[in-house]
Amino acid sequence: MNEAISAYQRITVSPEFRELELERSLARHDEATALYYAREEGMGIGMEKGRMEGKMEAARNLKALGIPTDIIVKSIGLPPEEIAKL
């Protein structure tokens, strides 16, 4: 056990080991940062697009049922011009 500890201490003192460990650490940090921003961007854009598609679908369904445009505008929150395009 003492030999293993001694070998570990000799290895970790070397400049090559420190440089490799620093590079690994930076790579892990870069990967974590990239994943964080990808998730934030995906959630922001994807969720907003999903909400808009949901509103459009709901407005389309209400319009198909014969609900007046002014009521659809109040209930869904889309502008009348968007509802008129449906």
Protein backbone atom coordinates (compact mmCIF):
# COMPACT_ATOMS: atom_id res chain seq x y z
CA MET A 1 0.00 0.00 0.00
CA ASN A 2 2.82 2.38 0.85
CA GLU A 3 4.38 1.71 -2.56
CA ALA A 4 1.14 2.61 -4.31
CA ILE A 5 0.84 5.84 -2.34
CA SER A 6 4.45 6.68 -3.05
CA ALA A 7 4.03 6.00 -6.79
CA TYR A 8 0.87 8.13 -6.90
CA GLN A 9 2.68 11.01 -5.19
CA ARG A 10 5.60 10.78 -7.65
CA ILE A 11 3.24 10.79 -10.64
CA THR A 12 1.11 13.71 -9.45
CA VAL A 13 4.16 15.87 -8.87
CA SER A 14 5.27 15.64 -12.50
CA PRO A 15 4.53 18.65 -14.73
CA GLU A 16 3.20 16.36 -17.47
CA PHE A 17 0.60 14.91 -15.11
CA ARG A 18 -0.46 18.35 -13.92
CA GLU A 19 -0.83 19.57 -17.49
CA LEU A 20 -2.91 16.53 -18.48
CA GLU A 21 -5.08 16.93 -15.41
CA LEU A 22 -5.61 20.62 -16.19
CA GLU A 23 -6.58 19.79 -19.79
CA ARG A 24 -9.03 17.13 -18.58
CA SER A 25 -10.53 19.56 -16.12
CA LEU A 26 -10.93 22.25 -18.77
CA ALA A 27 -12.48 19.74 -21.19
CA ARG A 28 -15.02 18.65 -18.56
CA HIS A 29 -15.83 22.29 -17.84
CA ASP A 30 -16.23 23.09 -21.55
CA GLU A 31 -18.52 20.11 -22.04
CA ALA A 32 -20.66 21.03 -19.05
CA THR A 33 -20.91 24.63 -20.27
CA ALA A 34 -21.86 23.54 -23.79
CA LEU A 35 -24.54 21.20 -22.45
CA TYR A 36 -25.92 23.94 -20.20
CA TYR A 37 -26.24 26.44 -23.04
CA ALA A 38 -27.63 23.83 -25.44
CA ARG A 39 -30.28 22.95 -22.89
CA GLU A 40 -31.15 26.58 -22.21
CA GLU A 41 -31.37 27.40 -25.90
CA GLY A 42 -33.37 24.30 -26.72
CA MET A 43 -35.81 24.84 -23.90
CA GLY A 44 -36.29 28.52 -24.66
CA ILE A 45 -36.83 28.23 -28.38
CA GLY A 46 -38.49 24.83 -28.33
CA MET A 47 -40.92 25.66 -25.57
CA GLU A 48 -41.91 28.98 -27.08
CA LYS A 49 -42.47 27.39 -30.48
CA GLY A 50 -44.50 24.63 -28.83
CA ARG A 51 -46.66 27.15 -26.99
CA MET A 52 -47.36 29.07 -30.20
CA GLU A 53 -48.24 25.88 -32.07
CA GLY A 54 -50.56 24.91 -29.22
CA LYS A 55 -52.29 28.27 -29.32
CA MET A 56 -52.68 28.06 -33.09
CA GLU A 57 -54.17 24.56 -32.84
CA ALA A 58 -56.60 25.66 -30.13
CA ALA A 59 -57.63 28.70 -32.17
CA ARG A 60 -58.08 26.51 -35.25
CA ASN A 61 -60.32 24.14 -33.29
CA LEU A 62 -62.41 26.96 -31.81
CA LYS A 63 -62.80 28.56 -35.22
CA ALA A 64 -63.94 25.19 -36.66
CA LEU A 65 -66.60 25.06 -33.94
CA GLY A 66 -67.90 28.44 -35.07
CA ILE A 67 -66.71 30.44 -32.06
CA PRO A 68 -66.53 34.18 -32.88
CA THR A 69 -63.08 35.62 -33.49
CA ASP A 70 -63.31 38.16 -30.66
CA ILE A 71 -63.90 35.37 -28.13
CA ILE A 72 -60.98 33.36 -29.55
CA VAL A 73 -58.76 36.45 -29.26
CA LYS A 74 -59.73 36.91 -25.61
CA SER A 75 -59.39 33.26 -24.68
CA ILE A 76 -56.23 32.30 -26.61
CA GLY A 77 -54.38 35.60 -26.73
CA LEU A 78 -53.53 35.55 -30.42
CA PRO A 79 -54.00 38.68 -32.51
CA PRO A 80 -57.13 38.76 -34.70
CA GLU A 81 -54.96 38.82 -37.85
CA GLU A 82 -53.46 35.43 -36.95
CA ILE A 83 -56.87 33.93 -36.29
CA ALA A 84 -58.20 35.31 -39.58
CA LYS A 85 -55.41 33.45 -41.44
CA LEU A 86 -56.59 30.11 -40.08
